[in-house]
PDB file of N, CA and C in Angstrom:
ATOM      1  N   MET A   1       0.690  -1.263  -0.027  1.00  0.00           N
ATOM      2  CA  MET A   1      -0.058   0.172  -0.109  1.00  0.00           C
ATOM      3  C   MET A   1       0.887   1.483  -0.051  1.00  0.00           C
ATOM      4  N   ALA A   2       0.314   2.249  -0.832  1.00  0.00           N
ATOM      5  CA  ALA A   2       1.420   3.413  -0.767  1.00  0.00           C
ATOM      6  C   ALA A   2       0.543   4.385  -0.157  1.00  0.00           C
ATOM      7  N   LEU A   3       1.098   5.163   0.317  1.00  0.00           N
ATOM      8  CA  LEU A   3       0.438   6.537   0.996  1.00  0.00           C
ATOM      9  C   LEU A   3       1.025   7.860   0.410  1.00  0.00           C
ATOM     10  N   ILE A   4       0.167   8.638  -0.057  1.00  0.00           N
ATOM     11  CA  ILE A   4       0.654   9.555  -1.234  1.00  0.00           C
ATOM     12  C   ILE A   4       0.194  11.252  -0.393  1.00  0.00           C
ATOM     13  N   ARG A   5       1.361  11.848  -0.432  1.00  0.00           N
ATOM     14  CA  ARG A   5       0.931  13.362  -0.178  1.00  0.00           C
ATOM     15  C   ARG A   5      -0.017  13.875  -1.407  1.00  0.00           C
ATOM     16  N   LEU A   6      -0.949  14.684  -1.229  1.00  0.00           N
ATOM     17  CA  LEU A   6      -1.292  15.346  -2.357  1.00  0.00           C
ATOM     18  C   LEU A   6      -1.587  16.896  -2.224  1.00  0.00           C
ATOM     19  N   ARG A   7      -1.825  17.809  -3.495  1.00  0.00           N
ATOM     20  CA  ARG A   7      -2.118  19.112  -3.329  1.00  0.00           C
ATOM     21  C   ARG A   7      -3.207  19.045  -4.288  1.00  0.00           C
ATOM     22  N   VAL A   8      -4.596  19.211  -3.774  1.00  0.00           N
ATOM     23  CA  VAL A   8      -5.469  19.235  -5.018  1.00  0.00           C
ATOM     24  C   VAL A   8      -5.835  20.935  -5.218  1.00  0.00           C
ATOM     25  N   HIS A   9      -6.012  20.985  -6.407  1.00  0.00           N
ATOM     26  CA  HIS A   9      -6.403  22.493  -6.803  1.00  0.00           C
ATOM     27  C   HIS A   9      -7.690  22.160  -7.329  1.00  0.00           C
ATOM     28  N   PRO A  10      -8.695  22.711  -6.409  1.00  0.00           N
ATOM     29  CA  PRO A  10     -10.032  22.749  -7.234  1.00  0.00           C
ATOM     30  C   PRO A  10     -10.326  23.862  -7.855  1.00  0.00           C
ATOM     31  N   ARG A  11     -11.474  23.653  -8.754  1.00  0.00           N
ATOM     32  CA  ARG A  11     -12.106  24.829  -9.680  1.00  0.00           C
ATOM     33  C   ARG A  11     -11.026  25.040 -10.620  1.00  0.00           C
ATOM     34  N   SER A  12     -10.244  24.157 -11.492  1.00  0.00           N
ATOM     35  CA  SER A  12      -9.469  24.365 -12.233  1.00  0.00           C
ATOM     36  C   SER A  12     -10.127  24.083 -13.497  1.00  0.00           C
ATOM     37  N   ALA A  13      -9.417  24.566 -14.709  1.00  0.00           N
ATOM     38  CA  ALA A  13     -10.094  24.278 -15.907  1.00  0.00           C
ATOM     39  C   ALA A  13     -10.045  23.182 -16.593  1.00  0.00           C
ATOM     40  N   ALA A  14      -9.453  22.184 -16.188  1.00  0.00           N
ATOM     41  CA  ALA A  14      -9.643  20.624 -16.542  1.00  0.00           C
ATOM     42  C   ALA A  14      -9.248  20.107 -15.221  1.00  0.00           C
ATOM     43  N   ASP A  15      -9.697  18.156 -15.671  1.00  0.00           N
ATOM     44  CA  ASP A  15      -8.870  17.753 -14.732  1.00  0.00           C
ATOM     45  C   ASP A  15      -7.543  16.963 -15.238  1.00  0.00           C
ATOM     46  N   ARG A  16      -6.611  17.189 -14.093  1.00  0.00           N
ATOM     47  CA  ARG A  16      -5.365  16.664 -15.117  1.00  0.00           C
ATOM     48  C   ARG A  16      -4.200  16.020 -13.420  1.00  0.00           C
ATOM     49  N   VAL A  17      -3.374  15.413 -13.910  1.00  0.00           N
ATOM     50  CA  VAL A  17      -2.606  14.884 -12.830  1.00  0.00           C
ATOM     51  C   VAL A  17      -1.207  15.986 -13.235  1.00  0.00           C
ATOM     52  N   VAL A  18      -0.728  16.656 -12.297  1.00  0.00           N
ATOM     53  CA  VAL A  18       0.443  17.620 -12.861  1.00  0.00           C
ATOM     54  C   VAL A  18       1.668  16.932 -12.745  1.00  0.00           C
ATOM     55  N   GLY A  19       1.776  16.287 -11.505  1.00  0.00           N
ATOM     56  CA  GLY A  19       2.742  15.480 -11.367  1.00  0.00           C
ATOM     57  C   GLY A  19       3.441  15.588 -10.103  1.00  0.00           C
ATOM     58  N   PHE A  20       4.666  15.000  -9.533  1.00  0.00           N
ATOM     59  CA  PHE A  20       5.254  15.236  -8.191  1.00  0.00           C
ATOM     60  C   PHE A  20       6.230  16.250  -8.275  1.00  0.00           C
ATOM     61  N   ARG A  21       6.150  17.210  -7.031  1.00  0.00           N
ATOM     62  CA  ARG A  21       6.740  18.122  -7.002  1.00  0.00           C
ATOM     63  C   ARG A  21       7.058  18.351  -5.432  1.00  0.00           C
ATOM     64  N   GLU A  22       8.394  18.317  -5.334  1.00  0.00           N
ATOM     65  CA  GLU A  22       9.074  17.889  -3.757  1.00  0.00           C
ATOM     66  C   GLU A  22       8.338  16.961  -2.992  1.00  0.00           C
ATOM     67  N   GLY A  23       7.716  15.835  -3.858  1.00  0.00           N
ATOM     68  CA  GLY A  23       7.513  14.693  -2.804  1.00  0.00           C
ATOM     69  C   GLY A  23       5.949  14.905  -2.626  1.00  0.00           C
ATOM     70  N   VAL A  24       5.483  15.563  -3.147  1.00  0.00           N
ATOM     71  CA  VAL A  24       4.046  15.861  -3.303  1.00  0.00           C
ATOM     72  C   VAL A  24       3.279  15.568  -4.742  1.00  0.00           C
ATOM     73  N   LEU A  25       2.282  14.971  -4.743  1.00  0.00           N
ATOM     74  CA  LEU A  25       1.255  14.767  -6.177  1.00  0.00           C
ATOM     75  C   LEU A  25       0.341  16.148  -6.088  1.00  0.00           C
ATOM     76  N   HIS A  26       0.215  16.878  -7.295  1.00  0.00           N
ATOM     77  CA  HIS A  26      -0.321  17.653  -7.692  1.00  0.00           C
ATOM     78  C   HIS A  26      -1.681  17.552  -8.253  1.00  0.00           C
ATOM     79  N   LEU A  27      -2.566  17.604  -8.281  1.00  0.00           N
ATOM     80  CA  LEU A  27      -3.955  17.269  -8.914  1.00  0.00           C
ATOM     81  C   LEU A  27      -4.894  18.471  -9.158  1.00  0.00           C
ATOM     82  N   ARG A  28      -4.996  18.870 -10.438  1.00  0.00           N
ATOM     83  CA  ARG A  28      -5.991  19.814 -10.511  1.00  0.00           C
ATOM     84  C   ARG A  28      -7.579  18.993 -11.030  1.00  0.00           C
ATOM     85  N   VAL A  29      -8.479  19.680 -10.326  1.00  0.00           N
ATOM     86  CA  VAL A  29      -9.771  19.226 -10.891  1.00  0.00           C
ATOM     87  C   VAL A  29     -10.986  19.981 -10.842  1.00  0.00           C
ATOM     88  N   THR A  30     -11.849  19.904 -11.987  1.00  0.00           N
ATOM     89  CA  THR A  30     -12.679  21.407 -12.080  1.00  0.00           C
ATOM     90  C   THR A  30     -13.531  21.437 -10.823  1.00  0.00           C
ATOM     91  N   ALA A  31     -14.038  20.152 -10.125  1.00  0.00           N
ATOM     92  CA  ALA A  31     -15.070  20.295  -9.052  1.00  0.00           C
ATOM     93  C   ALA A  31     -14.540  21.331  -8.116  1.00  0.00           C
ATOM     94  N   PRO A  32     -15.434  21.821  -7.197  1.00  0.00           N
ATOM     95  CA  PRO A  32     -15.464  22.911  -6.467  1.00  0.00           C
ATOM     96  C   PRO A  32     -15.153  22.432  -4.938  1.00  0.00           C
ATOM     97  N   PRO A  33     -14.692  23.094  -3.683  1.00  0.00           N
ATOM     98  CA  PRO A  33     -14.615  21.973  -2.967  1.00  0.00           C
ATOM     99  C   PRO A  33     -15.731  22.291  -1.651  1.00  0.00           C
ATOM    100  N   VAL A  34     -16.682  21.518  -2.450  1.00  0.00           N
ATOM    101  CA  VAL A  34     -17.870  21.801  -1.542  1.00  0.00           C
ATOM    102  C   VAL A  34     -18.496  20.410  -1.488  1.00  0.00           C
ATOM    103  N   ASP A  35     -19.332  20.272  -0.268  1.00  0.00           N
ATOM    104  CA  ASP A  35     -19.439  18.911  -0.047  1.00  0.00           C
ATOM    105  C   ASP A  35     -18.913  17.419  -0.735  1.00  0.00           C
ATOM    106  N   GLY A  36     -17.403  17.609  -0.484  1.00  0.00           N
ATOM    107  CA  GLY A  36     -16.710  16.801  -0.939  1.00  0.00           C
ATOM    108  C   GLY A  36     -16.319  16.338  -2.427  1.00  0.00           C
ATOM    109  N   LYS A  37     -16.972  17.305  -2.975  1.00  0.00           N
ATOM    110  CA  LYS A  37     -17.008  17.175  -4.681  1.00  0.00           C
ATOM    111  C   LYS A  37     -15.430  17.005  -5.175  1.00  0.00           C
ATOM    112  N   ALA A  38     -14.655  17.827  -4.813  1.00  0.00           N
ATOM    113  CA  ALA A  38     -13.323  17.999  -4.906  1.00  0.00           C
ATOM    114  C   ALA A  38     -12.340  16.826  -4.726  1.00  0.00           C
ATOM    115  N   ASN A  39     -12.894  16.413  -3.257  1.00  0.00           N
ATOM    116  CA  ASN A  39     -12.032  14.727  -2.735  1.00  0.00           C
ATOM    117  C   ASN A  39     -12.505  13.934  -3.860  1.00  0.00           C
ATOM    118  N   ARG A  40     -14.265  13.778  -4.087  1.00  0.00           N
ATOM    119  CA  ARG A  40     -14.282  12.300  -5.201  1.00  0.00           C
ATOM    120  C   ARG A  40     -13.757  12.668  -6.317  1.00  0.00           C
ATOM    121  N   SER A  41     -13.413  13.908  -6.726  1.00  0.00           N
ATOM    122  CA  SER A  41     -12.741  14.199  -8.100  1.00  0.00           C
ATOM    123  C   SER A  41     -11.331  13.848  -8.386  1.00  0.00           C
ATOM    124  N   ALA A  42     -10.758  14.298  -7.249  1.00  0.00           N
ATOM    125  CA  ALA A  42      -9.309  13.776  -6.804  1.00  0.00           C
ATOM    126  C   ALA A  42      -9.028  12.155  -6.894  1.00  0.00           C
ATOM    127  N   VAL A  43      -9.998  11.352  -6.398  1.00  0.00           N
ATOM    128  CA  VAL A  43      -9.919  10.231  -6.219  1.00  0.00           C
ATOM    129  C   VAL A  43     -10.138   9.317  -7.718  1.00  0.00           C
ATOM    130  N   SER A  44     -11.402   9.945  -7.892  1.00  0.00           N
ATOM    131  CA  SER A  44     -11.539   9.314  -9.192  1.00  0.00           C
ATOM    132  C   SER A  44     -10.223   9.748 -10.151  1.00  0.00           C
ATOM    133  N   LEU A  45      -9.642  10.759 -10.502  1.00  0.00           N
ATOM    134  CA  LEU A  45      -8.887  11.138 -11.148  1.00  0.00           C
ATOM    135  C   LEU A  45      -7.404  10.344 -11.178  1.00  0.00           C
ATOM    136  N   LEU A  46      -7.142  10.277  -9.790  1.00  0.00           N
ATOM    137  CA  LEU A  46      -6.044   9.282  -9.560  1.00  0.00           C
ATOM    138  C   LEU A  46      -6.250   7.944  -9.575  1.00  0.00           C
ATOM    139  N   ALA A  47      -7.359   7.420  -9.137  1.00  0.00           N
ATOM    140  CA  ALA A  47      -7.344   5.808  -9.800  1.00  0.00           C
ATOM    141  C   ALA A  47      -7.308   5.798 -11.307  1.00  0.00           C
ATOM    142  N   ASP A  48      -7.838   6.363 -11.992  1.00  0.00           N
ATOM    143  CA  ASP A  48      -7.634   6.441 -13.713  1.00  0.00           C
ATOM    144  C   ASP A  48      -6.350   6.685 -14.154  1.00  0.00           C
ATOM    145  N   ALA A  49      -5.589   7.605 -13.708  1.00  0.00           N
ATOM    146  CA  ALA A  49      -4.347   7.807 -13.731  1.00  0.00           C
ATOM    147  C   ALA A  49      -3.482   6.587 -13.621  1.00  0.00           C
ATOM    148  N   LEU A  50      -3.924   6.129 -12.441  1.00  0.00           N
ATOM    149  CA  LEU A  50      -3.106   4.460 -11.869  1.00  0.00           C
ATOM    150  C   LEU A  50      -3.476   3.504 -12.421  1.00  0.00           C
ATOM    151  N   GLY A  51      -4.669   3.609 -13.398  1.00  0.00           N
ATOM    152  CA  GLY A  51      -5.287   2.414 -13.956  1.00  0.00           C
ATOM    153  C   GLY A  51      -5.910   1.332 -12.921  1.00  0.00           C
ATOM    154  N   ILE A  52      -6.529   1.962 -11.841  1.00  0.00           N
ATOM    155  CA  ILE A  52      -6.917   0.827 -10.865  1.00  0.00           C
ATOM    156  C   ILE A  52      -8.452   1.322 -10.432  1.00  0.00           C
ATOM    157  N   PRO A  53      -9.008   0.517  -9.790  1.00  0.00           N
ATOM    158  CA  PRO A  53     -10.457   0.850  -9.437  1.00  0.00           C
ATOM    159  C   PRO A  53     -10.686   1.801  -8.545  1.00  0.00           C
ATOM    160  N   ARG A  54     -11.422   2.829  -8.613  1.00  0.00           N
ATOM    161  CA  ARG A  54     -11.606   3.756  -7.832  1.00  0.00           C
ATOM    162  C   ARG A  54     -11.607   3.484  -6.106  1.00  0.00           C
ATOM    163  N   SER A  55     -12.215   2.132  -5.885  1.00  0.00           N
ATOM    164  CA  SER A  55     -12.475   1.486  -4.630  1.00  0.00           C
ATOM    165  C   SER A  55     -11.117   1.351  -3.602  1.00  0.00           C
ATOM    166  N   ARG A  56      -9.862   1.244  -4.408  1.00  0.00           N
ATOM    167  CA  ARG A  56      -8.374   1.290  -4.154  1.00  0.00           C
ATOM    168  C   ARG A  56      -8.002   2.426  -3.469  1.00  0.00           C
ATOM    169  N   VAL A  57      -8.595   3.567  -4.076  1.00  0.00           N
ATOM    170  CA  VAL A  57      -7.915   4.772  -3.433  1.00  0.00           C
ATOM    171  C   VAL A  57      -8.703   5.481  -2.569  1.00  0.00           C
ATOM    172  N   ARG A  58      -8.049   5.809  -1.536  1.00  0.00           N
ATOM    173  CA  ARG A  58      -9.164   6.889  -0.445  1.00  0.00           C
ATOM    174  C   ARG A  58      -8.338   7.780   0.139  1.00  0.00           C
ATOM    175  N   ILE A  59      -8.698   9.111   0.397  1.00  0.00           N
ATOM    176  CA  ILE A  59      -8.305   9.740   1.064  1.00  0.00           C
ATOM    177  C   ILE A  59      -8.358   9.923   2.520  1.00  0.00           C
ATOM    178  N   VAL A  60      -7.136   9.966   3.377  1.00  0.00           N
ATOM    179  CA  VAL A  60      -7.327   9.563   4.516  1.00  0.00           C
ATOM    180  C   VAL A  60      -6.843  10.603   5.647  1.00  0.00           C
ATOM    181  N   ARG A  61      -6.387  11.650   4.886  1.00  0.00           N
ATOM    182  CA  ARG A  61      -6.051  12.932   5.729  1.00  0.00           C
ATOM    183  C   ARG A  61      -6.410  14.157   4.980  1.00  0.00           C
ATOM    184  N   GLY A  62      -6.720  14.913   5.734  1.00  0.00           N
ATOM    185  CA  GLY A  62      -7.248  16.578   4.708  1.00  0.00           C
ATOM    186  C   GLY A  62      -8.340  16.656   4.265  1.00  0.00           C
ATOM    187  N   HIS A  63      -9.424  16.148   4.771  1.00  0.00           N
ATOM    188  CA  HIS A  63     -10.642  15.975   3.651  1.00  0.00           C
ATOM    189  C   HIS A  63     -11.068  17.526   3.484  1.00  0.00           C
ATOM    190  N   SER A  64     -10.785  18.555   4.258  1.00  0.00           N
ATOM    191  CA  SER A  64     -11.309  19.621   4.219  1.00  0.00           C
ATOM    192  C   SER A  64     -10.253  20.717   4.015  1.00  0.00           C
ATOM    193  N   SER A  65      -9.050  20.237   3.439  1.00  0.00           N
ATOM    194  CA  SER A  65      -7.898  21.131   3.054  1.00  0.00           C
ATOM    195  C   SER A  65      -7.485  20.669   1.542  1.00  0.00           C
ATOM    196  N   ARG A  66      -6.639  21.577   0.978  1.00  0.00           N
ATOM    197  CA  ARG A  66      -5.870  21.292   0.041  1.00  0.00           C
ATOM    198  C   ARG A  66      -4.993  20.232  -0.001  1.00  0.00           C
ATOM    199  N   ASP A  67      -4.477  20.384   1.265  1.00  0.00           N
ATOM    200  CA  ASP A  67      -3.341  19.155   1.064  1.00  0.00           C
ATOM    201  C   ASP A  67      -3.750  18.079   1.957  1.00  0.00           C
ATOM    202  N   LYS A  68      -3.687  16.770   1.283  1.00  0.00           N
ATOM    203  CA  LYS A  68      -4.215  15.665   1.729  1.00  0.00           C
ATOM    204  C   LYS A  68      -3.174  14.608   1.492  1.00  0.00           C
ATOM    205  N   ALA A  69      -3.681  13.611   2.125  1.00  0.00           N
ATOM    206  CA  ALA A  69      -2.923  11.961   2.025  1.00  0.00           C
ATOM    207  C   ALA A  69      -3.843  11.147   1.279  1.00  0.00           C
ATOM    208  N   ALA A  70      -3.339  10.331   0.533  1.00  0.00           N
ATOM    209  CA  ALA A  70      -4.181   9.151   0.240  1.00  0.00           C
ATOM    210  C   ALA A  70      -3.665   7.988   0.003  1.00  0.00           C
ATOM    211  N   GLU A  71      -4.480   6.750   0.201  1.00  0.00           N
ATOM    212  CA  GLU A  71      -3.937   5.501   0.568  1.00  0.00           C
ATOM    213  C   GLU A  71      -3.992   4.855  -0.955  1.00  0.00           C
ATOM    214  N   VAL A  72      -3.231   3.804  -1.608  1.00  0.00           N
ATOM    215  CA  VAL A  72      -3.719   3.421  -2.766  1.00  0.00           C
ATOM    216  C   VAL A  72      -3.063   1.909  -2.206  1.00  0.00           C
ATOM    217  N   GLU A  73      -4.039   1.080  -2.293  1.00  0.00           N
ATOM    218  CA  GLU A  73      -3.782  -0.038  -2.345  1.00  0.00           C
ATOM    219  C   GLU A  73      -3.387  -0.849  -3.497  1.00  0.00           C
ATOM    220  N   SER A  74      -2.688  -1.797  -3.452  1.00  0.00           N
ATOM    221  CA  SER A  74      -2.333  -2.823  -4.354  1.00  0.00           C
ATOM    222  C   SER A  74      -1.001  -2.330  -5.169  1.00  0.00           C
ATOM    223  N   LEU A  75      -0.469  -0.916  -4.667  1.00  0.00           N
ATOM    224  CA  LEU A  75       0.491  -0.285  -5.425  1.00  0.00           C
ATOM    225  C   LEU A  75       1.637  -0.079  -4.417  1.00  0.00           C
ATOM    226  N   THR A  76       3.058  -0.097  -4.680  1.00  0.00           N
ATOM    227  CA  THR A  76       3.961   0.584  -4.257  1.00  0.00           C
ATOM    228  C   THR A  76       3.962   2.133  -4.314  1.00  0.00           C
ATOM    229  N   LEU A  77       4.678   3.021  -3.734  1.00  0.00           N
ATOM    230  CA  LEU A  77       5.214   4.261  -3.723  1.00  0.00           C
ATOM    231  C   LEU A  77       5.797   4.345  -5.143  1.00  0.00           C
ATOM    232  N   GLU A  78       6.953   3.585  -5.100  1.00  0.00           N
ATOM    233  CA  GLU A  78       7.354   3.159  -6.414  1.00  0.00           C
ATOM    234  C   GLU A  78       6.942   3.197  -7.822  1.00  0.00           C
ATOM    235  N   GLU A  79       5.812   2.086  -7.595  1.00  0.00           N
ATOM    236  CA  GLU A  79       4.932   1.946  -8.780  1.00  0.00           C
ATOM    237  C   GLU A  79       4.068   2.952  -9.104  1.00  0.00           C
ATOM    238  N   VAL A  80       3.417   3.645  -8.225  1.00  0.00           N
ATOM    239  CA  VAL A  80       2.844   4.729  -8.171  1.00  0.00           C
ATOM    240  C   VAL A  80       3.763   5.955  -9.158  1.00  0.00           C
ATOM    241  N   ARG A  81       4.843   6.277  -8.660  1.00  0.00           N
ATOM    242  CA  ARG A  81       5.771   7.112  -9.520  1.00  0.00           C
ATOM    243  C   ARG A  81       5.969   6.871 -10.622  1.00  0.00           C
ATOM    244  N   GLN A  82       6.214   5.645 -11.064  1.00  0.00           N
ATOM    245  CA  GLN A  82       6.270   5.039 -12.255  1.00  0.00           C
ATOM    246  C   GLN A  82       5.186   5.417 -13.248  1.00  0.00           C
ATOM    247  N   ARG A  83       4.018   5.256 -12.660  1.00  0.00           N
ATOM    248  CA  ARG A  83       2.662   5.545 -13.586  1.00  0.00           C
ATOM    249  C   ARG A  83       2.192   7.123 -13.931  1.00  0.00           C
ATOM    250  N   LEU A  84       2.789   7.615 -12.982  1.00  0.00           N
ATOM    251  CA  LEU A  84       2.470   9.379 -12.760  1.00  0.00           C
ATOM    252  C   LEU A  84       3.371   9.806 -13.497  1.00  0.00           C
ATOM    253  N   PRO A  85       3.384  11.301 -14.206  1.00  0.00           N
ATOM    254  CA  PRO A  85       4.188  12.459 -14.899  1.00  0.00           C
ATOM    255  C   PRO A  85       4.944  12.417 -13.873  1.00  0.00           C
ATOM    256  N   PRO A  86       6.396  12.664 -14.013  1.00  0.00           N
ATOM    257  CA  PRO A  86       7.332  13.061 -12.703  1.00  0.00           C
ATOM    258  C   PRO A  86       6.748  14.695 -12.280  1.00  0.00           C
ATOM    259  N   GLY A  87       6.262  15.569 -13.097  1.00  0.00           N
ATOM    260  CA  GLY A  87       6.144  17.289 -12.770  1.00  0.00           C
ATOM    261  C   GLY A  87       7.169  17.747 -13.017  1.00  0.00           C
ATOM    262  N   GLY A  88       7.040  18.853 -12.014  1.00  0.00           N
ATOM    263  CA  GLY A  88       8.152  20.067 -12.375  1.00  0.00           C
ATOM    264  C   GLY A  88       8.095  20.933 -11.267  1.00  0.00           C
TER     265      GLY A  88
END
């Protein structure tokens, strides 16, 4: 299981995985940070980018913050990094 630090940017123009910066994975989601919509979008985006079911990704910290932590079942942190863009 991988624990990933996330920075979620809500209300973006498009949903996309920006990549890792200083150990934090940046995600841009179109959803607003209201009623957990941005969290659900972040989980869906991350699962789709990793090619795994959404049920294997969950936010474990930072539910009401842009800075979050997510658990990814069935992948190591190294496997996650290999499947996602490096960022910049």
